[in-house]
Amino acid sequence: MSIKIDNINQSILRSLQKDTRLSIAAIADDAGISTSPCQKRIKQLESQGVITNYSANVELSKICTSVTFLAEITLQEHDKDSFQQFESVIMEEDTLVECYQVSGPYDYSARFVCKDIEDYKSISDRLLSKSPIKSIQSHCVLSNVKRFTGYPLKYLLTDDE
């Protein structure tokens, strides 16, 4: 079921995606409402599960050395048990920071953030031994050309939604 997001809620969500540390007054000002209704709307968006958490974007290069890998993962079998087993194993892997089940020639697309190449090799070997993976095709990220800064709500939501 889709939750109705009006223009005010869109504005609130855009502001929070841009900077979760904005004051309620600044968010309310952007949305063109006063602080009390703004705070109520934020609480409602949270209770409806539209806003699921607040986080900080950490610039890893400022605090440590890391290497990011994007991996295309194909399972040996395409049955419910294999998918469940794989998904159970990856939930225990902290360096796997994002994973999507996808359509196409492979089953999952995953993003790993590791200390170095040897660390990634060790992690991928462990995943191969603990789950029903047929193959992992890995790509080392050389640079992040465009960072995720929030969803393009003005394009995804229409006035009648």
N, C-alpha and C. Protein backbone atom coordinates (compact mmCIF):
# COMPACT_ATOMS: atom_id res chain seq x y z
N MET A 1 0.84 -1.18 0.00
CA MET A 1 0.00 0.00 0.00
C MET A 1 0.88 1.24 0.00
N SER A 2 0.54 2.17 -0.82
CA SER A 2 1.29 3.40 -0.94
C SER A 2 0.75 4.44 0.02
N ILE A 3 1.64 5.18 0.64
CA ILE A 3 1.27 6.24 1.56
C ILE A 3 1.23 7.56 0.78
N LYS A 4 0.19 8.34 0.98
CA LYS A 4 0.06 9.62 0.27
C LYS A 4 1.10 10.61 0.80
N ILE A 5 1.88 11.14 -0.13
CA ILE A 5 2.89 12.12 0.22
C ILE A 5 2.54 13.43 -0.50
N ASP A 6 2.05 14.40 0.26
CA ASP A 6 1.70 15.68 -0.34
C ASP A 6 2.95 16.54 -0.52
N ASN A 7 2.75 17.75 -1.07
CA ASN A 7 3.88 18.63 -1.35
C ASN A 7 4.65 19.03 -0.09
N ILE A 8 3.94 19.19 1.02
CA ILE A 8 4.61 19.56 2.28
C ILE A 8 5.49 18.41 2.76
N ASN A 9 4.93 17.19 2.75
CA ASN A 9 5.75 16.04 3.16
C ASN A 9 6.92 15.82 2.22
N GLN A 10 6.72 16.07 0.91
CA GLN A 10 7.84 15.98 -0.04
C GLN A 10 8.94 16.95 0.35
N SER A 11 8.56 18.17 0.68
CA SER A 11 9.54 19.17 1.08
C SER A 11 10.28 18.75 2.35
N ILE A 12 9.55 18.21 3.31
CA ILE A 12 10.16 17.74 4.55
C ILE A 12 11.16 16.62 4.25
N LEU A 13 10.75 15.67 3.42
CA LEU A 13 11.64 14.56 3.08
C LEU A 13 12.88 15.03 2.32
N ARG A 14 12.70 15.96 1.39
CA ARG A 14 13.86 16.49 0.65
C ARG A 14 14.83 17.17 1.61
N SER A 15 14.31 17.96 2.53
CA SER A 15 15.18 18.64 3.51
C SER A 15 15.94 17.65 4.36
N LEU A 16 15.24 16.63 4.85
CA LEU A 16 15.90 15.63 5.70
C LEU A 16 16.93 14.80 4.93
N GLN A 17 16.65 14.51 3.64
CA GLN A 17 17.63 13.79 2.84
C GLN A 17 18.88 14.62 2.62
N LYS A 18 18.69 15.93 2.50
CA LYS A 18 19.82 16.82 2.27
C LYS A 18 20.68 16.94 3.53
N ASP A 19 20.03 17.07 4.69
CA ASP A 19 20.77 17.25 5.94
C ASP A 19 19.88 16.86 7.11
N THR A 20 20.15 15.71 7.72
CA THR A 20 19.33 15.25 8.84
C THR A 20 19.53 16.07 10.11
N ARG A 21 20.53 16.94 10.11
CA ARG A 21 20.79 17.77 11.28
C ARG A 21 20.07 19.12 11.23
N LEU A 22 19.31 19.35 10.17
CA LEU A 22 18.56 20.60 10.09
C LEU A 22 17.61 20.71 11.28
N SER A 23 17.43 21.92 11.76
CA SER A 23 16.49 22.13 12.86
C SER A 23 15.06 22.00 12.33
N ILE A 24 14.16 21.71 13.24
CA ILE A 24 12.74 21.64 12.87
C ILE A 24 12.31 22.98 12.26
N ALA A 25 12.82 24.08 12.81
CA ALA A 25 12.46 25.41 12.29
C ALA A 25 12.90 25.56 10.83
N ALA A 26 14.10 25.10 10.50
CA ALA A 26 14.59 25.21 9.12
C ALA A 26 13.79 24.32 8.18
N ILE A 27 13.47 23.11 8.63
CA ILE A 27 12.66 22.18 7.81
C ILE A 27 11.27 22.77 7.59
N ALA A 28 10.68 23.30 8.66
CA ALA A 28 9.35 23.91 8.58
C ALA A 28 9.37 25.10 7.63
N ASP A 29 10.41 25.91 7.73
CA ASP A 29 10.52 27.08 6.85
C ASP A 29 10.59 26.66 5.39
N ASP A 30 11.39 25.63 5.09
CA ASP A 30 11.49 25.12 3.71
C ASP A 30 10.13 24.62 3.21
N ALA A 31 9.36 24.01 4.13
CA ALA A 31 8.06 23.44 3.75
C ALA A 31 6.94 24.47 3.76
N GLY A 32 7.22 25.65 4.32
CA GLY A 32 6.20 26.70 4.37
C GLY A 32 5.15 26.48 5.44
N ILE A 33 5.53 25.82 6.53
CA ILE A 33 4.60 25.60 7.65
C ILE A 33 5.30 25.98 8.95
N SER A 34 4.56 25.98 10.04
CA SER A 34 5.16 26.29 11.34
C SER A 34 5.78 25.03 11.94
N THR A 35 6.52 25.20 13.02
CA THR A 35 7.30 24.10 13.58
C THR A 35 6.44 22.97 14.17
N SER A 36 5.35 23.32 14.84
CA SER A 36 4.53 22.28 15.47
C SER A 36 3.94 21.29 14.46
N PRO A 37 3.28 21.75 13.38
CA PRO A 37 2.78 20.79 12.40
C PRO A 37 3.92 20.06 11.68
N CYS A 38 5.05 20.73 11.52
CA CYS A 38 6.20 20.07 10.88
C CYS A 38 6.67 18.90 11.73
N GLN A 39 6.80 19.14 13.02
CA GLN A 39 7.23 18.08 13.92
C GLN A 39 6.22 16.92 13.92
N LYS A 40 4.94 17.22 13.88
CA LYS A 40 3.90 16.19 13.83
C LYS A 40 4.01 15.37 12.54
N ARG A 41 4.25 16.06 11.44
CA ARG A 41 4.39 15.36 10.15
C ARG A 41 5.61 14.45 10.15
N ILE A 42 6.72 14.91 10.70
CA ILE A 42 7.92 14.07 10.76
C ILE A 42 7.64 12.82 11.60
N LYS A 43 7.00 13.00 12.74
CA LYS A 43 6.65 11.85 13.60
C LYS A 43 5.72 10.89 12.86
N GLN A 44 4.77 11.43 12.10
CA GLN A 44 3.85 10.58 11.34
C GLN A 44 4.61 9.81 10.25
N LEU A 45 5.53 10.48 9.55
CA LEU A 45 6.34 9.81 8.52
C LEU A 45 7.19 8.70 9.14
N GLU A 46 7.68 8.94 10.33
CA GLU A 46 8.46 7.91 11.04
C GLU A 46 7.56 6.73 11.42
N SER A 47 6.39 7.02 11.99
CA SER A 47 5.49 5.94 12.44
C SER A 47 4.94 5.13 11.26
N GLN A 48 4.81 5.76 10.09
CA GLN A 48 4.34 5.05 8.89
C GLN A 48 5.46 4.26 8.22
N GLY A 49 6.69 4.41 8.69
CA GLY A 49 7.81 3.69 8.10
C GLY A 49 8.38 4.35 6.86
N VAL A 50 7.97 5.57 6.55
CA VAL A 50 8.53 6.29 5.40
C VAL A 50 9.96 6.72 5.73
N ILE A 51 10.16 7.26 6.92
CA ILE A 51 11.50 7.57 7.43
C ILE A 51 11.87 6.41 8.34
N THR A 52 12.93 5.69 7.97
CA THR A 52 13.29 4.49 8.74
C THR A 52 14.49 4.68 9.66
N ASN A 53 15.33 5.64 9.37
CA ASN A 53 16.46 5.92 10.26
C ASN A 53 17.12 7.22 9.84
N TYR A 54 18.04 7.67 10.65
CA TYR A 54 18.83 8.86 10.35
C TYR A 54 20.29 8.42 10.41
N SER A 55 21.08 8.91 9.47
CA SER A 55 22.48 8.49 9.46
C SER A 55 23.38 9.62 8.99
N ALA A 56 24.67 9.43 9.23
CA ALA A 56 25.69 10.38 8.79
C ALA A 56 26.46 9.77 7.63
N ASN A 57 26.81 10.58 6.67
CA ASN A 57 27.68 10.13 5.58
C ASN A 57 29.12 10.34 6.03
N VAL A 58 29.85 9.24 6.21
CA VAL A 58 31.21 9.29 6.70
C VAL A 58 32.17 9.29 5.51
N GLU A 59 33.09 10.21 5.49
CA GLU A 59 34.12 10.26 4.45
C GLU A 59 35.28 9.39 4.92
N LEU A 60 35.28 8.12 4.49
CA LEU A 60 36.27 7.16 4.96
C LEU A 60 37.71 7.58 4.71
N SER A 61 37.97 8.25 3.60
CA SER A 61 39.35 8.63 3.27
C SER A 61 39.96 9.56 4.31
N LYS A 62 39.12 10.22 5.10
CA LYS A 62 39.62 11.12 6.15
C LYS A 62 40.04 10.37 7.41
N ILE A 63 39.57 9.13 7.57
CA ILE A 63 39.84 8.43 8.83
C ILE A 63 40.54 7.08 8.68
N CYS A 64 40.57 6.53 7.46
CA CYS A 64 41.21 5.22 7.28
C CYS A 64 41.45 4.95 5.80
N THR A 65 42.16 3.88 5.54
CA THR A 65 42.34 3.40 4.18
C THR A 65 41.32 2.30 3.95
N SER A 66 40.67 2.35 2.80
CA SER A 66 39.68 1.32 2.48
C SER A 66 39.63 1.13 0.98
N VAL A 67 39.08 -0.01 0.58
CA VAL A 67 38.87 -0.31 -0.83
C VAL A 67 37.43 -0.79 -0.97
N THR A 68 36.73 -0.26 -1.97
CA THR A 68 35.35 -0.66 -2.23
C THR A 68 35.33 -1.59 -3.44
N PHE A 69 34.56 -2.66 -3.31
CA PHE A 69 34.37 -3.61 -4.40
C PHE A 69 32.89 -3.75 -4.69
N LEU A 70 32.58 -3.79 -5.97
CA LEU A 70 31.23 -4.11 -6.41
C LEU A 70 31.29 -5.53 -6.94
N ALA A 71 30.37 -6.37 -6.52
CA ALA A 71 30.42 -7.79 -6.89
C ALA A 71 29.09 -8.23 -7.50
N GLU A 72 29.21 -9.01 -8.56
CA GLU A 72 28.06 -9.66 -9.17
C GLU A 72 28.12 -11.12 -8.72
N ILE A 73 27.09 -11.55 -8.01
CA ILE A 73 27.10 -12.87 -7.39
C ILE A 73 26.04 -13.75 -8.02
N THR A 74 26.46 -14.94 -8.43
CA THR A 74 25.55 -15.92 -9.01
C THR A 74 25.52 -17.15 -8.09
N LEU A 75 24.32 -17.63 -7.79
CA LEU A 75 24.19 -18.82 -6.95
C LEU A 75 24.23 -20.08 -7.80
N GLN A 76 24.59 -21.20 -7.14
CA GLN A 76 24.64 -22.49 -7.83
C GLN A 76 23.26 -22.95 -8.27
N GLU A 77 22.30 -22.80 -7.37
CA GLU A 77 20.92 -23.21 -7.63
C GLU A 77 20.01 -22.01 -7.47
N HIS A 78 18.85 -22.07 -8.10
CA HIS A 78 17.91 -20.97 -8.01
C HIS A 78 16.62 -21.43 -7.34
N ASP A 79 16.80 -21.96 -6.15
CA ASP A 79 15.64 -22.38 -5.36
C ASP A 79 15.57 -21.55 -4.09
N LYS A 80 14.44 -21.61 -3.44
CA LYS A 80 14.18 -20.79 -2.26
C LYS A 80 15.23 -21.03 -1.17
N ASP A 81 15.61 -22.29 -0.93
CA ASP A 81 16.59 -22.60 0.11
C ASP A 81 17.95 -21.96 -0.17
N SER A 82 18.39 -21.98 -1.41
CA SER A 82 19.68 -21.39 -1.77
C SER A 82 19.68 -19.88 -1.53
N PHE A 83 18.60 -19.23 -1.93
CA PHE A 83 18.50 -17.78 -1.72
C PHE A 83 18.48 -17.47 -0.22
N GLN A 84 17.71 -18.23 0.54
CA GLN A 84 17.64 -18.00 1.99
C GLN A 84 18.99 -18.26 2.66
N GLN A 85 19.68 -19.32 2.25
CA GLN A 85 20.98 -19.63 2.84
C GLN A 85 21.98 -18.51 2.55
N PHE A 86 22.04 -18.06 1.30
CA PHE A 86 22.94 -16.98 0.93
C PHE A 86 22.63 -15.72 1.74
N GLU A 87 21.36 -15.35 1.79
CA GLU A 87 20.97 -14.13 2.49
C GLU A 87 21.24 -14.22 3.98
N SER A 88 21.12 -15.40 4.55
CA SER A 88 21.44 -15.60 5.96
C SER A 88 22.93 -15.40 6.22
N VAL A 89 23.76 -15.95 5.34
CA VAL A 89 25.22 -15.84 5.49
C VAL A 89 25.68 -14.39 5.36
N ILE A 90 25.15 -13.66 4.38
CA ILE A 90 25.63 -12.29 4.17
C ILE A 90 25.22 -11.33 5.28
N MET A 91 24.16 -11.66 6.00
CA MET A 91 23.74 -10.79 7.11
C MET A 91 24.80 -10.74 8.20
N GLU A 92 25.67 -11.72 8.23
CA GLU A 92 26.74 -11.78 9.24
C GLU A 92 28.02 -11.10 8.76
N GLU A 93 28.04 -10.61 7.54
CA GLU A 93 29.26 -10.05 6.95
C GLU A 93 29.20 -8.52 7.00
N ASP A 94 29.92 -7.94 7.96
CA ASP A 94 29.89 -6.48 8.15
C ASP A 94 30.46 -5.69 6.98
N THR A 95 31.42 -6.25 6.27
CA THR A 95 32.03 -5.52 5.16
C THR A 95 31.12 -5.46 3.94
N LEU A 96 30.11 -6.31 3.89
CA LEU A 96 29.12 -6.24 2.82
C LEU A 96 28.10 -5.20 3.28
N VAL A 97 28.22 -4.01 2.73
CA VAL A 97 27.43 -2.89 3.24
C VAL A 97 26.11 -2.68 2.51
N GLU A 98 25.97 -3.32 1.34
CA GLU A 98 24.74 -3.16 0.57
C GLU A 98 24.63 -4.34 -0.39
N CYS A 99 23.42 -4.87 -0.53
CA CYS A 99 23.22 -6.01 -1.43
C CYS A 99 21.80 -5.97 -1.98
N TYR A 100 21.70 -6.20 -3.29
CA TYR A 100 20.41 -6.22 -3.97
C TYR A 100 20.24 -7.54 -4.70
N GLN A 101 19.06 -8.14 -4.60
CA GLN A 101 18.73 -9.25 -5.48
C GLN A 101 18.28 -8.62 -6.79
N VAL A 102 18.84 -9.10 -7.90
CA VAL A 102 18.60 -8.45 -9.19
C VAL A 102 18.16 -9.46 -10.25
N SER A 103 17.62 -8.93 -11.34
CA SER A 103 17.30 -9.77 -12.50
C SER A 103 18.49 -9.72 -13.45
N GLY A 104 18.54 -10.66 -14.37
CA GLY A 104 19.63 -10.64 -15.35
C GLY A 104 20.56 -11.83 -15.20
N PRO A 105 21.79 -11.69 -15.68
CA PRO A 105 22.71 -12.84 -15.73
C PRO A 105 23.29 -13.25 -14.38
N TYR A 106 23.13 -12.44 -13.34
CA TYR A 106 23.58 -12.83 -12.00
C TYR A 106 22.44 -12.56 -11.03
N ASP A 107 22.59 -13.07 -9.80
CA ASP A 107 21.48 -13.06 -8.84
C ASP A 107 21.50 -11.88 -7.88
N TYR A 108 22.70 -11.43 -7.51
CA TYR A 108 22.84 -10.35 -6.53
C TYR A 108 23.91 -9.37 -6.99
N SER A 109 23.71 -8.13 -6.62
CA SER A 109 24.73 -7.10 -6.79
C SER A 109 25.05 -6.61 -5.38
N ALA A 110 26.34 -6.63 -5.04
CA ALA A 110 26.74 -6.32 -3.68
C ALA A 110 27.86 -5.30 -3.65
N ARG A 111 27.91 -4.53 -2.56
CA ARG A 111 28.99 -3.56 -2.35
C ARG A 111 29.70 -3.91 -1.05
N PHE A 112 31.00 -4.10 -1.16
CA PHE A 112 31.85 -4.41 -0.01
C PHE A 112 32.78 -3.23 0.24
N VAL A 113 33.02 -2.91 1.49
CA VAL A 113 34.04 -1.93 1.86
C VAL A 113 35.01 -2.64 2.78
N CYS A 114 36.27 -2.79 2.30
CA CYS A 114 37.27 -3.61 2.98
C CYS A 114 38.53 -2.80 3.28
N LYS A 115 39.38 -3.37 4.14
CA LYS A 115 40.65 -2.73 4.47
C LYS A 115 41.58 -2.67 3.27
N ASP A 116 41.63 -3.78 2.53
CA ASP A 116 42.53 -3.86 1.38
C ASP A 116 42.11 -5.04 0.51
N ILE A 117 42.85 -5.29 -0.56
CA ILE A 117 42.51 -6.36 -1.50
C ILE A 117 42.59 -7.73 -0.83
N GLU A 118 43.61 -7.93 0.00
CA GLU A 118 43.73 -9.22 0.69
C GLU A 118 42.54 -9.49 1.60
N ASP A 119 42.06 -8.45 2.26
CA ASP A 119 40.88 -8.57 3.11
C ASP A 119 39.67 -9.00 2.27
N TYR A 120 39.49 -8.37 1.11
CA TYR A 120 38.37 -8.74 0.25
C TYR A 120 38.49 -10.18 -0.24
N LYS A 121 39.70 -10.59 -0.59
CA LYS A 121 39.91 -11.98 -1.04
C LYS A 121 39.52 -12.95 0.07
N SER A 122 39.92 -12.67 1.28
CA SER A 122 39.57 -13.52 2.42
C SER A 122 38.06 -13.57 2.63
N ILE A 123 37.40 -12.44 2.53
CA ILE A 123 35.94 -12.37 2.71
C ILE A 123 35.23 -13.14 1.60
N SER A 124 35.64 -12.95 0.35
CA SER A 124 34.97 -13.65 -0.74
C SER A 124 35.22 -15.16 -0.66
N ASP A 125 36.43 -15.58 -0.24
CA ASP A 125 36.69 -17.01 -0.03
C ASP A 125 35.78 -17.58 1.05
N ARG A 126 35.60 -16.82 2.13
CA ARG A 126 34.72 -17.27 3.22
C ARG A 126 33.28 -17.39 2.74
N LEU A 127 32.81 -16.41 1.96
CA LEU A 127 31.45 -16.48 1.44
C LEU A 127 31.27 -17.67 0.50
N LEU A 128 32.27 -17.92 -0.33
CA LEU A 128 32.20 -19.07 -1.25
C LEU A 128 32.12 -20.38 -0.48
N SER A 129 32.80 -20.46 0.65
CA SER A 129 32.79 -21.72 1.42
C SER A 129 31.55 -21.89 2.29
N LYS A 130 30.87 -20.80 2.65
CA LYS A 130 29.74 -20.87 3.58
C LYS A 130 28.37 -20.80 2.92
N SER A 131 28.32 -20.45 1.65
CA SER A 131 27.02 -20.29 1.01
C SER A 131 27.06 -20.87 -0.40
N PRO A 132 25.89 -21.07 -1.00
CA PRO A 132 25.79 -21.74 -2.30
C PRO A 132 26.11 -20.83 -3.49
N ILE A 133 27.27 -20.18 -3.44
CA ILE A 133 27.67 -19.27 -4.52
C ILE A 133 28.36 -20.05 -5.62
N LYS A 134 27.94 -19.82 -6.84
CA LYS A 134 28.59 -20.41 -8.01
C LYS A 134 29.77 -19.54 -8.45
N SER A 135 29.54 -18.22 -8.49
CA SER A 135 30.62 -17.33 -8.92
C SER A 135 30.43 -15.93 -8.35
N ILE A 136 31.57 -15.25 -8.20
CA ILE A 136 31.58 -13.84 -7.81
C ILE A 136 32.46 -13.12 -8.82
N GLN A 137 31.89 -12.16 -9.50
CA GLN A 137 32.67 -11.31 -10.39
C GLN A 137 32.83 -9.97 -9.68
N SER A 138 34.08 -9.60 -9.41
CA SER A 138 34.36 -8.43 -8.59
C SER A 138 34.93 -7.29 -9.41
N HIS A 139 34.60 -6.09 -8.99
CA HIS A 139 35.10 -4.88 -9.63
C HIS A 139 35.59 -3.95 -8.53
N CYS A 140 36.85 -3.56 -8.61
CA CYS A 140 37.42 -2.63 -7.64
C CYS A 140 37.02 -1.20 -8.04
N VAL A 141 36.45 -0.46 -7.11
CA VAL A 141 36.03 0.92 -7.38
C VAL A 141 37.26 1.82 -7.36
N LEU A 142 37.47 2.55 -8.43
CA LEU A 142 38.60 3.47 -8.53
C LEU A 142 38.25 4.85 -7.95
N SER A 143 37.03 5.30 -8.19
CA SER A 143 36.56 6.55 -7.61
C SER A 143 35.04 6.57 -7.62
N ASN A 144 34.48 7.31 -6.70
CA ASN A 144 33.04 7.50 -6.63
C ASN A 144 32.72 8.79 -7.36
N VAL A 145 32.16 8.68 -8.54
CA VAL A 145 31.92 9.83 -9.40
C VAL A 145 30.69 10.62 -8.94
N LYS A 146 29.68 9.91 -8.45
CA LYS A 146 28.47 10.58 -7.95
C LYS A 146 27.97 9.82 -6.73
N ARG A 147 27.96 10.50 -5.61
CA ARG A 147 27.51 9.89 -4.36
C ARG A 147 25.99 9.96 -4.24
N PHE A 148 25.44 8.97 -3.55
CA PHE A 148 24.02 8.96 -3.25
C PHE A 148 23.74 10.08 -2.26
N THR A 149 22.82 10.96 -2.61
CA THR A 149 22.46 12.08 -1.72
C THR A 149 20.97 12.12 -1.43
N GLY A 150 20.26 11.07 -1.78
CA GLY A 150 18.83 11.02 -1.53
C GLY A 150 18.09 10.69 -2.81
N TYR A 151 16.87 10.28 -2.64
CA TYR A 151 16.03 9.89 -3.77
C TYR A 151 15.48 11.13 -4.48
N PRO A 152 15.29 11.08 -5.79
CA PRO A 152 14.76 12.22 -6.54
C PRO A 152 13.24 12.28 -6.42
N LEU A 153 12.77 12.69 -5.25
CA LEU A 153 11.34 12.66 -4.96
C LEU A 153 10.51 13.48 -5.93
N LYS A 154 11.02 14.62 -6.36
CA LYS A 154 10.21 15.46 -7.26
C LYS A 154 9.94 14.76 -8.59
N TYR A 155 10.76 13.79 -8.96
CA TYR A 155 10.54 13.03 -10.20
C TYR A 155 9.75 11.75 -9.95
N LEU A 156 9.87 11.19 -8.76
CA LEU A 156 9.21 9.91 -8.47
C LEU A 156 7.76 10.08 -8.01
N LEU A 157 7.47 11.19 -7.35
CA LEU A 157 6.13 11.42 -6.83
C LEU A 157 5.40 12.44 -7.70
N THR A 158 4.16 12.18 -7.96
CA THR A 158 3.34 13.13 -8.72
C THR A 158 2.35 13.78 -7.77
N ASP A 159 1.74 14.84 -8.20
CA ASP A 159 0.79 15.58 -7.36
C ASP A 159 -0.41 14.74 -6.94
N ASP A 160 -0.77 13.74 -7.76
CA ASP A 160 -1.96 12.95 -7.44
C ASP A 160 -1.66 11.73 -6.58
N GLU A 161 -0.41 11.56 -6.15
CA GLU A 161 -0.07 10.41 -5.29
C GLU A 161 -0.24 10.75 -3.84
